[in-house]
Amino acid sequence: MQLSFWRAAVPALMVLVCVFTLDRRSASAADGLVNVSLTTKGAGHQDIPLALPIPRGGAADEFYTTLRRDLELSGWFRIIDPAAYVEPPGTGIRLGEFDFAAWRTPGAAALAKTELSSTAEGTRAEVWVYDVAGGTKLGAKAFSGPKTSARTLAHRTADAIILLVTNQRSFFDTRVAFVQKVSGNKEVFVMDVDGGGRRQITKNKAINLAPRWNHAGTALCFTSYFNGNPDLYVADLAKSAIRRISARTGINTGCSWAPSGDRIALTLSPGSDSDIFTIDPLAGIQIAQLTKSPGIDVSPTWSPDGSRIAFVSERGGGAQIYAMGAEGGDAKRVSFSGSQNTSPAWSPKGDKIAFVGRDGNFDIFTVNVDGSGMQRITQGGGDNEDPSWSPDGEYLVFSSTRTGTAQIWLASADGRHQIQLSQGAGGYTNPHWSGHLSW
């Protein structure tokens, strides 16, 4: 099996070589600045009117297109139509170089001005962010990288704008792993959150399923039928290598890395039943068997502190979500509505579990860890499956057939904001969101 290694996912090989802050002041009362974030209802409401003029200087097409899409994906902003801008293109980006009145006319609450310039090493992107009503600067940052790094510079700029306006860390320094149909097979890929920067990880012309990131973002575990049996593999991105770590008789599937990285939970079926086990991620040696009840036990997912594991079990009749201690035993039922609840994903905040429930079609739900507060995220749009949380627990990615073919979609945690990420013919399934990666 060969690995098509995506070096952009490895922290030690990130393309950006320079990042520095131009203005460390925050939008605080002590500075006399207006905190725009106080006016927003949160991600997904798109209630901050943002002006985003074309960058000053340099070739801006890829940078600007990526930046604009990132800000739209975030769900924080309503980007004002450039046709409404009255300021001439190319006007300066720093305080004193432009008139705030020109941006109050189209109704902007926030203004993000950017500039691109060439350096001996490549390209430099600079962003200055303003509170238009108060006529004040929220902050400014600059990033540098090779000439080929327009997309990465745009992602960094989007992260900066969101942080300066909302005081919330964004997710454009993350990646999404997924499975795509290729010539009748299923291969593992990784992409930027905006759907671009796609790279193929496996090229074994087999069925590969359910990739899952480790917490460092340096490896993926996944199940593959490359040798005929559903065996578990690990793609080590730092070493550009794939290893088979579990080839036990029966299924070796549903892998989930412990937050500590020292073990993987997965489903094995050494007999007629399937149960949850933990194994060593290096040698694949079995550490413990966590479930022993009659009926299937599958799809483990760790709590963010590593103390508990949620999973799917039929022990009570019908597939339901349960949670147990990380060493097994004392399992408590979490889902109580419906009879076909699968694919749990524990929120990084620790308070909720996302899962798939069947109500005619398959849809995404969330529930508090104690079983209360169930909330429906999707409804009336094809089958929606395989939820995975953003690192901050504010968003979910999932696979949906609402457009006719399976694509990767993003939703805010309340389901209000939903937008398609993947592009192409379709057949995109099993998404899994990485943690924050080093640029």
Protein backbone atom coordinates (compact mmCIF):
# COMPACT_ATOMS: atom_id res chain seq x y z
CA MET A 1 0.00 0.00 0.00
CA GLN A 2 1.34 3.40 -0.98
CA LEU A 3 0.73 6.68 0.83
CA SER A 4 0.25 9.91 -1.10
CA PHE A 5 1.64 12.10 1.65
CA TRP A 6 0.02 15.48 2.24
CA ARG A 7 2.85 17.48 3.74
CA ALA A 8 0.67 20.48 4.52
CA ALA A 9 -0.88 18.43 7.33
CA VAL A 10 2.42 17.97 9.14
CA PRO A 11 3.21 20.79 11.59
CA ALA A 12 6.97 20.59 11.04
CA LEU A 13 6.57 21.22 7.32
CA MET A 14 4.03 24.06 7.29
CA VAL A 15 4.54 26.53 4.47
CA LEU A 16 4.30 29.75 6.42
CA VAL A 17 7.67 30.91 7.58
CA CYS A 18 6.80 34.20 9.22
CA VAL A 19 3.86 35.52 11.25
CA PHE A 20 3.83 38.64 13.37
CA THR A 21 1.31 40.94 15.01
CA LEU A 22 1.29 44.58 13.97
CA ASP A 23 -1.00 45.77 16.75
CA ARG A 24 -1.55 43.78 19.94
CA ARG A 25 -4.30 46.04 21.30
CA SER A 26 -7.63 44.30 21.87
CA ALA A 27 -11.04 45.88 21.46
CA SER A 28 -11.48 46.72 25.14
CA ALA A 29 -13.17 49.51 27.04
CA ALA A 30 -9.80 50.59 28.40
CA ASP A 31 -8.65 51.36 24.86
CA GLY A 32 -11.86 53.21 24.07
CA LEU A 33 -12.62 50.80 21.23
CA VAL A 34 -16.01 49.38 20.36
CA ASN A 35 -16.14 45.59 20.75
CA VAL A 36 -18.05 44.48 17.68
CA SER A 37 -18.47 40.98 19.14
CA LEU A 38 -20.91 42.34 21.72
CA THR A 39 -23.43 42.94 18.92
CA THR A 40 -23.40 39.41 17.50
CA LYS A 41 -25.72 36.53 18.38
CA GLY A 42 -23.03 33.97 17.60
CA ALA A 43 -21.72 31.81 14.80
CA GLY A 44 -24.42 30.81 12.37
CA HIS A 45 -26.50 33.95 12.67
CA GLN A 46 -24.49 35.84 10.01
CA ASP A 47 -25.42 39.09 11.71
CA ILE A 48 -22.19 41.11 11.41
CA PRO A 49 -22.22 43.26 8.23
CA LEU A 50 -18.64 43.03 6.97
CA ALA A 51 -17.02 45.02 4.17
CA LEU A 52 -14.22 43.10 2.45
CA PRO A 53 -12.67 45.15 -0.36
CA ILE A 54 -10.33 43.60 -2.94
CA PRO A 55 -6.74 43.44 -1.57
CA ARG A 56 -4.46 46.33 -2.40
CA GLY A 57 -1.49 45.37 -4.60
CA GLY A 58 -0.43 41.98 -5.87
CA ALA A 59 -2.31 39.21 -7.67
CA ALA A 60 -5.36 38.69 -5.50
CA ASP A 61 -7.72 36.25 -7.26
CA GLU A 62 -6.99 33.02 -5.37
CA PHE A 63 -6.28 34.83 -2.11
CA TYR A 64 -9.48 36.89 -2.20
CA THR A 65 -11.74 34.05 -3.37
CA THR A 66 -10.44 31.80 -0.58
CA LEU A 67 -10.68 34.53 2.05
CA ARG A 68 -14.25 35.45 1.14
CA ARG A 69 -15.39 31.81 1.15
CA ASP A 70 -13.74 31.22 4.53
CA LEU A 71 -15.60 34.14 6.08
CA GLU A 72 -18.88 32.97 4.56
CA LEU A 73 -18.30 29.43 5.88
CA SER A 74 -17.70 30.74 9.39
CA GLY A 75 -21.31 31.86 9.71
CA TRP A 76 -20.36 35.03 11.57
CA PHE A 77 -20.68 37.57 8.75
CA ARG A 78 -23.00 39.00 6.16
CA ILE A 79 -20.49 40.16 3.57
CA ILE A 80 -21.69 43.37 1.92
CA ASP A 81 -21.99 43.29 -1.87
CA PRO A 82 -18.91 45.03 -3.35
CA ALA A 83 -21.26 46.82 -5.77
CA ALA A 84 -22.38 48.91 -2.79
CA TYR A 85 -18.84 50.11 -1.95
CA VAL A 86 -18.22 53.80 -2.61
CA GLU A 87 -14.51 53.90 -1.79
CA PRO A 88 -12.26 53.70 -4.90
CA PRO A 89 -10.27 50.45 -5.24
CA GLY A 90 -6.66 50.68 -4.10
CA THR A 91 -7.31 53.14 -1.26
CA GLY A 92 -4.95 52.73 1.70
CA ILE A 93 -5.54 50.18 4.43
CA ARG A 94 -4.12 51.98 7.48
CA LEU A 95 -5.73 54.52 9.78
CA GLY A 96 -5.66 57.96 8.19
CA GLU A 97 -5.43 56.56 4.65
CA PHE A 98 -9.20 56.21 4.15
CA ASP A 99 -12.50 57.73 5.30
CA PHE A 100 -14.76 55.67 7.59
CA ALA A 101 -17.77 57.52 6.18
CA ALA A 102 -17.28 55.64 2.89
CA TRP A 103 -17.91 52.39 4.77
CA ARG A 104 -20.82 53.61 6.86
CA THR A 105 -22.72 54.35 3.64
CA PRO A 106 -23.14 50.64 2.67
CA GLY A 107 -23.91 49.76 6.31
CA ALA A 108 -20.69 48.01 7.35
CA ALA A 109 -20.23 47.24 11.05
CA ALA A 110 -16.76 45.78 10.49
CA LEU A 111 -14.19 46.45 7.78
CA ALA A 112 -11.30 44.16 6.81
CA LYS A 113 -8.69 45.77 4.54
CA THR A 114 -5.94 43.63 3.09
CA GLU A 115 -2.75 44.21 1.14
CA LEU A 116 -0.55 41.76 -0.78
CA SER A 117 3.08 42.44 -1.57
CA SER A 118 6.05 40.51 -2.94
CA THR A 119 9.07 39.74 -0.80
CA ALA A 120 12.39 38.04 -1.50
CA GLU A 121 10.95 34.86 0.05
CA GLY A 122 7.53 35.00 -1.62
CA THR A 123 4.33 36.83 -0.64
CA ARG A 124 3.30 38.95 2.33
CA ALA A 125 -0.36 39.40 3.32
CA GLU A 126 -1.36 42.18 5.68
CA VAL A 127 -4.83 42.69 7.20
CA TRP A 128 -6.19 45.65 9.18
CA VAL A 129 -9.58 45.23 10.85
CA TYR A 130 -11.80 48.12 11.94
CA ASP A 131 -14.96 48.89 13.87
CA VAL A 132 -16.67 51.19 11.37
CA ALA A 133 -19.23 52.79 13.70
CA GLY A 134 -16.58 53.69 16.26
CA GLY A 135 -13.99 54.64 13.63
CA THR A 136 -11.38 52.59 15.46
CA LYS A 137 -8.93 49.81 14.73
CA LEU A 138 -9.57 46.39 16.24
CA GLY A 139 -6.12 45.12 15.25
CA ALA A 140 -3.79 44.21 12.42
CA LYS A 141 -1.70 41.20 11.47
CA ALA A 142 0.64 40.12 8.70
CA PHE A 143 1.70 36.73 7.34
CA SER A 144 4.42 35.66 4.92
CA GLY A 145 4.96 32.56 2.82
CA PRO A 146 6.10 31.24 -0.57
CA LYS A 147 4.48 32.52 -3.75
CA THR A 148 2.47 29.30 -3.92
CA SER A 149 0.87 29.82 -0.50
CA ALA A 150 -2.04 32.12 -1.46
CA ARG A 151 -4.65 29.73 -0.03
CA THR A 152 -2.77 29.27 3.24
CA LEU A 153 -2.25 33.02 3.60
CA ALA A 154 -5.98 33.52 3.02
CA HIS A 155 -6.86 30.95 5.70
CA ARG A 156 -4.56 32.69 8.17
CA THR A 157 -6.08 36.04 7.29
CA ALA A 158 -9.62 34.69 7.79
CA ASP A 159 -8.63 33.33 11.21
CA ALA A 160 -7.23 36.75 12.12
CA ILE A 161 -10.36 38.64 11.02
CA ILE A 162 -12.67 36.32 12.96
CA LEU A 163 -10.53 36.54 16.10
CA LEU A 164 -10.23 40.35 15.97
CA VAL A 165 -13.96 40.89 15.38
CA THR A 166 -15.52 38.17 17.53
CA ASN A 167 -12.74 37.30 20.01
CA GLN A 168 -13.31 33.66 19.00
CA ARG A 169 -10.68 31.34 17.55
CA SER A 170 -11.68 29.99 14.14
CA PHE A 171 -10.96 26.68 12.40
CA PHE A 172 -9.11 27.40 9.19
CA ASP A 173 -5.90 25.96 10.66
CA THR A 174 -7.58 22.53 10.62
CA ARG A 175 -8.22 19.83 8.01
CA VAL A 176 -11.00 17.34 7.25
CA ALA A 177 -10.25 13.71 6.39
CA PHE A 178 -12.87 11.87 4.36
CA VAL A 179 -13.54 8.97 1.99
CA GLN A 180 -14.32 9.43 -1.70
CA LYS A 181 -15.34 6.98 -4.38
CA VAL A 182 -12.59 6.57 -7.00
CA SER A 183 -13.11 4.21 -9.95
CA GLY A 184 -15.44 1.99 -7.95
CA ASN A 185 -13.19 1.95 -4.88
CA LYS A 186 -13.08 4.17 -1.79
CA GLU A 187 -9.93 6.11 -0.96
CA VAL A 188 -8.95 8.33 1.98
CA PHE A 189 -8.40 12.02 1.27
CA VAL A 190 -7.71 15.16 3.29
CA MET A 191 -8.88 18.70 2.43
CA ASP A 192 -8.90 22.21 3.82
CA VAL A 193 -12.12 23.10 5.62
CA ASP A 194 -13.26 25.21 2.66
CA GLY A 195 -13.14 22.13 0.40
CA GLY A 196 -9.95 23.12 -1.41
CA GLY A 197 -6.39 21.89 -1.06
CA ARG A 198 -7.52 18.29 -1.52
CA ARG A 199 -4.85 15.56 -1.28
CA GLN A 200 -5.19 11.80 -1.68
CA ILE A 201 -3.79 9.70 1.18
CA THR A 202 -4.44 6.12 0.00
CA LYS A 203 -4.08 4.80 -3.54
CA ASN A 204 -4.52 1.09 -2.92
CA LYS A 205 -7.59 0.60 -5.17
CA ALA A 206 -9.50 -1.00 -2.32
CA ILE A 207 -12.31 -0.09 0.08
CA ASN A 208 -10.98 2.26 2.78
CA LEU A 209 -13.32 3.55 5.48
CA ALA A 210 -13.70 5.81 8.52
CA PRO A 211 -10.43 7.78 8.76
CA ARG A 212 -9.83 9.32 12.18
CA TRP A 213 -7.18 11.90 13.11
CA ASN A 214 -4.93 11.54 16.11
CA HIS A 215 -4.96 14.63 18.34
CA ALA A 216 -1.59 15.87 17.10
CA GLY A 217 -2.82 15.88 13.50
CA THR A 218 0.13 13.76 12.39
CA ALA A 219 -1.60 10.44 11.72
CA LEU A 220 -4.86 8.85 10.59
CA CYS A 221 -6.25 5.46 11.53
CA PHE A 222 -8.71 3.84 9.14
CA THR A 223 -10.16 0.48 8.12
CA SER A 224 -9.16 -1.03 4.78
CA TYR A 225 -10.11 -4.15 2.81
CA PHE A 226 -6.76 -4.01 1.01
CA ASN A 227 -5.96 -7.58 2.12
CA GLY A 228 -9.54 -8.83 1.87
CA ASN A 229 -10.44 -8.49 5.55
CA PRO A 230 -11.56 -5.23 7.27
CA ASP A 231 -8.21 -4.54 8.97
CA LEU A 232 -7.05 -1.43 10.81
CA TYR A 233 -4.22 0.72 9.42
CA VAL A 234 -2.41 3.86 10.52
CA ALA A 235 -1.15 6.44 8.03
CA ASP A 236 1.82 8.17 9.65
CA LEU A 237 2.00 11.51 7.88
CA ALA A 238 5.33 12.49 9.38
CA LYS A 239 7.03 9.34 8.07
CA SER A 240 5.03 9.02 4.85
CA ALA A 241 4.15 5.43 5.69
CA ILE A 242 1.11 3.21 6.23
CA ARG A 243 1.16 0.31 8.69
CA ARG A 244 -1.39 -2.39 9.36
CA ILE A 245 -1.80 -2.55 13.13
CA SER A 246 -4.76 -4.90 13.59
CA ALA A 247 -5.58 -7.86 11.34
CA ARG A 248 -7.54 -9.98 13.80
CA THR A 249 -10.14 -12.43 12.58
CA GLY A 250 -13.43 -10.62 11.97
CA ILE A 251 -13.85 -6.87 11.86
CA ASN A 252 -11.22 -4.32 12.91
CA THR A 253 -13.09 -1.07 12.54
CA GLY A 254 -14.46 2.11 14.11
CA CYS A 255 -11.13 3.41 15.39
CA SER A 256 -10.87 6.37 17.76
CA TRP A 257 -7.63 7.79 19.24
CA ALA A 258 -7.43 8.46 22.96
CA PRO A 259 -6.62 12.14 23.64
CA SER A 260 -3.30 10.99 25.16
CA GLY A 261 -2.42 9.23 21.90
CA ASP A 262 -1.29 6.07 23.70
CA ARG A 263 -4.21 3.87 22.68
CA ILE A 264 -6.87 3.39 20.04
CA ALA A 265 -10.40 2.19 20.78
CA LEU A 266 -11.98 0.08 18.06
CA THR A 267 -14.51 -2.67 17.40
CA LEU A 268 -13.31 -6.26 17.15
CA SER A 269 -15.32 -9.44 16.68
CA PRO A 270 -13.18 -12.34 17.89
CA GLY A 271 -16.30 -14.51 18.17
CA SER A 272 -19.91 -14.19 17.06
CA ASP A 273 -20.31 -10.84 18.81
CA SER A 274 -18.65 -7.44 18.34
CA ASP A 275 -17.20 -5.54 21.29
CA ILE A 276 -15.10 -2.48 22.10
CA PHE A 277 -11.38 -3.01 22.72
CA THR A 278 -8.31 -0.82 23.10
CA ILE A 279 -5.01 -1.50 21.36
CA ASP A 280 -1.56 0.04 21.25
CA PRO A 281 -1.28 2.36 18.19
CA LEU A 282 2.32 1.35 17.48
CA ALA A 283 2.41 -2.44 17.75
CA GLY A 284 -1.33 -3.08 17.70
CA ILE A 285 -1.12 -5.13 20.89
CA GLN A 286 -4.44 -5.53 22.67
CA ILE A 287 -4.64 -3.53 25.90
CA ALA A 288 -8.15 -4.26 27.18
CA GLN A 289 -11.61 -5.49 26.28
CA LEU A 290 -14.08 -2.81 27.41
CA THR A 291 -17.50 -4.37 26.66
CA LYS A 292 -18.77 -7.93 27.07
CA SER A 293 -22.55 -7.61 26.87
CA PRO A 294 -24.74 -9.57 24.43
CA GLY A 295 -25.52 -7.73 21.20
CA ILE A 296 -23.33 -5.46 19.12
CA ASP A 297 -21.10 -2.80 20.70
CA VAL A 298 -19.49 -0.58 18.05
CA SER A 299 -18.31 2.95 17.14
CA PRO A 300 -16.34 4.15 20.19
CA THR A 301 -15.57 7.86 20.67
CA TRP A 302 -13.52 9.32 23.53
CA SER A 303 -14.51 12.18 25.80
CA PRO A 304 -12.08 15.12 25.48
CA ASP A 305 -10.51 14.40 28.87
CA GLY A 306 -10.04 10.70 28.02
CA SER A 307 -12.03 9.52 31.04
CA ARG A 308 -15.06 8.11 29.18
CA ILE A 309 -16.05 6.48 25.90
CA ALA A 310 -19.38 6.74 24.12
CA PHE A 311 -20.42 3.92 21.79
CA VAL A 312 -23.37 2.22 20.09
CA SER A 313 -24.96 -0.85 21.65
CA GLU A 314 -27.99 -3.05 21.06
CA ARG A 315 -27.97 -4.32 24.65
CA GLY A 316 -31.28 -2.61 25.40
CA GLY A 317 -32.99 -3.44 22.10
CA GLY A 318 -32.29 -1.37 19.00
CA ALA A 319 -29.13 0.64 18.44
CA GLN A 320 -28.68 3.32 21.13
CA ILE A 321 -25.87 5.56 22.38
CA TYR A 322 -24.21 4.62 25.67
CA ALA A 323 -21.28 6.05 27.65
CA MET A 324 -18.91 4.17 29.93
CA GLY A 325 -15.65 4.72 31.78
CA ALA A 326 -12.46 4.55 29.73
CA GLU A 327 -11.61 1.20 31.35
CA GLY A 328 -15.05 -0.25 30.59
CA GLY A 329 -18.05 -1.12 32.72
CA ASP A 330 -20.82 1.03 34.24
CA ALA A 331 -22.31 1.96 30.86
CA LYS A 332 -25.14 4.50 30.97
CA ARG A 333 -27.65 5.02 28.16
CA VAL A 334 -27.51 8.47 26.57
CA SER A 335 -30.09 8.35 23.73
CA PHE A 336 -33.72 7.52 24.46
CA SER A 337 -35.67 8.57 21.34
CA GLY A 338 -35.86 6.34 18.28
CA SER A 339 -34.56 2.81 17.77
CA GLN A 340 -31.66 3.36 15.36
CA ASN A 341 -29.10 5.77 16.81
CA THR A 342 -25.50 5.39 15.62
CA SER A 343 -22.18 7.17 14.89
CA PRO A 344 -21.59 9.05 18.18
CA ALA A 345 -19.08 11.91 18.26
CA TRP A 346 -18.15 13.48 21.63
CA SER A 347 -17.91 17.27 21.58
CA PRO A 348 -14.51 18.80 22.44
CA LYS A 349 -16.35 20.85 25.06
CA GLY A 350 -17.28 17.59 26.78
CA ASP A 351 -20.95 18.48 27.23
CA LYS A 352 -22.64 16.97 24.17
CA ILE A 353 -22.59 13.95 21.89
CA ALA A 354 -23.57 14.22 18.24
CA PHE A 355 -25.07 11.13 16.63
CA VAL A 356 -27.14 9.87 13.70
CA GLY A 357 -30.78 8.97 14.22
CA ARG A 358 -33.22 7.46 11.77
CA ASP A 359 -36.56 9.22 11.29
CA GLY A 360 -37.45 8.18 7.76
CA ASN A 361 -34.09 9.49 6.54
CA PHE A 362 -30.93 9.61 8.61
CA ASP A 363 -30.36 12.91 10.41
CA ILE A 364 -27.86 14.50 12.78
CA PHE A 365 -28.83 15.10 16.41
CA THR A 366 -27.01 16.28 19.52
CA VAL A 367 -27.74 15.35 23.11
CA ASN A 368 -26.30 16.32 26.48
CA VAL A 369 -24.06 13.66 28.01
CA ASP A 370 -26.70 12.96 30.69
CA GLY A 371 -29.28 12.21 27.99
CA SER A 372 -31.18 15.49 28.26
CA GLY A 373 -31.58 18.34 25.77
CA MET A 374 -31.71 16.42 22.50
CA GLN A 375 -31.55 18.79 19.53
CA ARG A 376 -32.11 18.07 15.85
CA ILE A 377 -29.46 19.57 13.55
CA THR A 378 -30.67 18.39 10.11
CA GLN A 379 -34.13 17.63 8.74
CA GLY A 380 -35.80 17.08 5.38
CA GLY A 381 -32.66 16.95 3.26
CA GLY A 382 -31.64 13.46 2.18
CA ASP A 383 -29.53 11.28 4.48
CA ASN A 384 -27.17 13.09 6.87
CA GLU A 385 -24.51 10.93 8.52
CA ASP A 386 -21.04 10.70 10.11
CA PRO A 387 -20.97 13.84 12.31
CA SER A 388 -17.61 15.21 13.52
CA TRP A 389 -17.01 18.28 15.70
CA SER A 390 -14.76 21.28 15.10
CA PRO A 391 -12.00 21.69 17.73
CA ASP A 392 -14.01 24.37 19.57
CA GLY A 393 -17.28 22.41 19.55
CA GLU A 394 -19.11 25.20 17.71
CA TYR A 395 -19.52 23.42 14.34
CA LEU A 396 -20.09 19.98 12.86
CA VAL A 397 -19.09 18.43 9.56
CA PHE A 398 -21.10 15.53 8.16
CA SER A 399 -21.96 13.72 4.95
CA SER A 400 -25.27 14.58 3.28
CA THR A 401 -27.12 13.41 0.14
CA ARG A 402 -29.44 16.42 0.10
CA THR A 403 -28.13 17.49 -3.33
CA GLY A 404 -28.50 13.98 -4.78
CA THR A 405 -24.97 12.69 -4.13
CA ALA A 406 -23.03 12.39 -0.89
CA GLN A 407 -21.11 15.60 -0.11
CA ILE A 408 -19.39 17.00 2.97
CA TRP A 409 -21.38 19.74 4.71
CA LEU A 410 -20.73 22.08 7.63
CA ALA A 411 -23.30 23.20 10.21
CA SER A 412 -23.13 25.45 13.23
CA ALA A 413 -23.78 23.53 16.44
CA ASP A 414 -27.36 24.77 16.56
CA GLY A 415 -28.01 23.78 12.93
CA ARG A 416 -28.88 27.34 11.90
CA HIS A 417 -26.00 27.77 9.45
CA GLN A 418 -25.41 24.93 6.94
CA ILE A 419 -23.20 25.05 3.85
CA GLN A 420 -21.61 22.54 1.47
CA LEU A 421 -17.83 22.11 1.73
CA SER A 422 -16.83 19.48 -0.83
CA GLN A 423 -16.96 20.12 -4.55
CA GLY A 424 -17.24 17.66 -7.41
CA ALA A 425 -19.24 14.67 -8.58
CA GLY A 426 -20.01 13.38 -5.10
CA GLY A 427 -19.41 10.20 -3.17
CA TYR A 428 -17.86 12.02 -0.18
CA THR A 429 -18.44 10.23 3.16
CA ASN A 430 -16.93 9.55 6.61
CA PRO A 431 -15.61 13.08 7.37
CA HIS A 432 -13.46 13.63 10.44
CA TRP A 433 -12.27 17.04 11.62
CA SER A 434 -8.69 17.45 12.84
CA GLY A 435 -7.62 19.51 15.79
CA HIS A 436 -5.79 22.80 15.33
CA LEU A 437 -2.59 22.28 13.36
CA SER A 438 0.62 24.28 13.43
CA TRP A 439 1.06 26.41 10.34
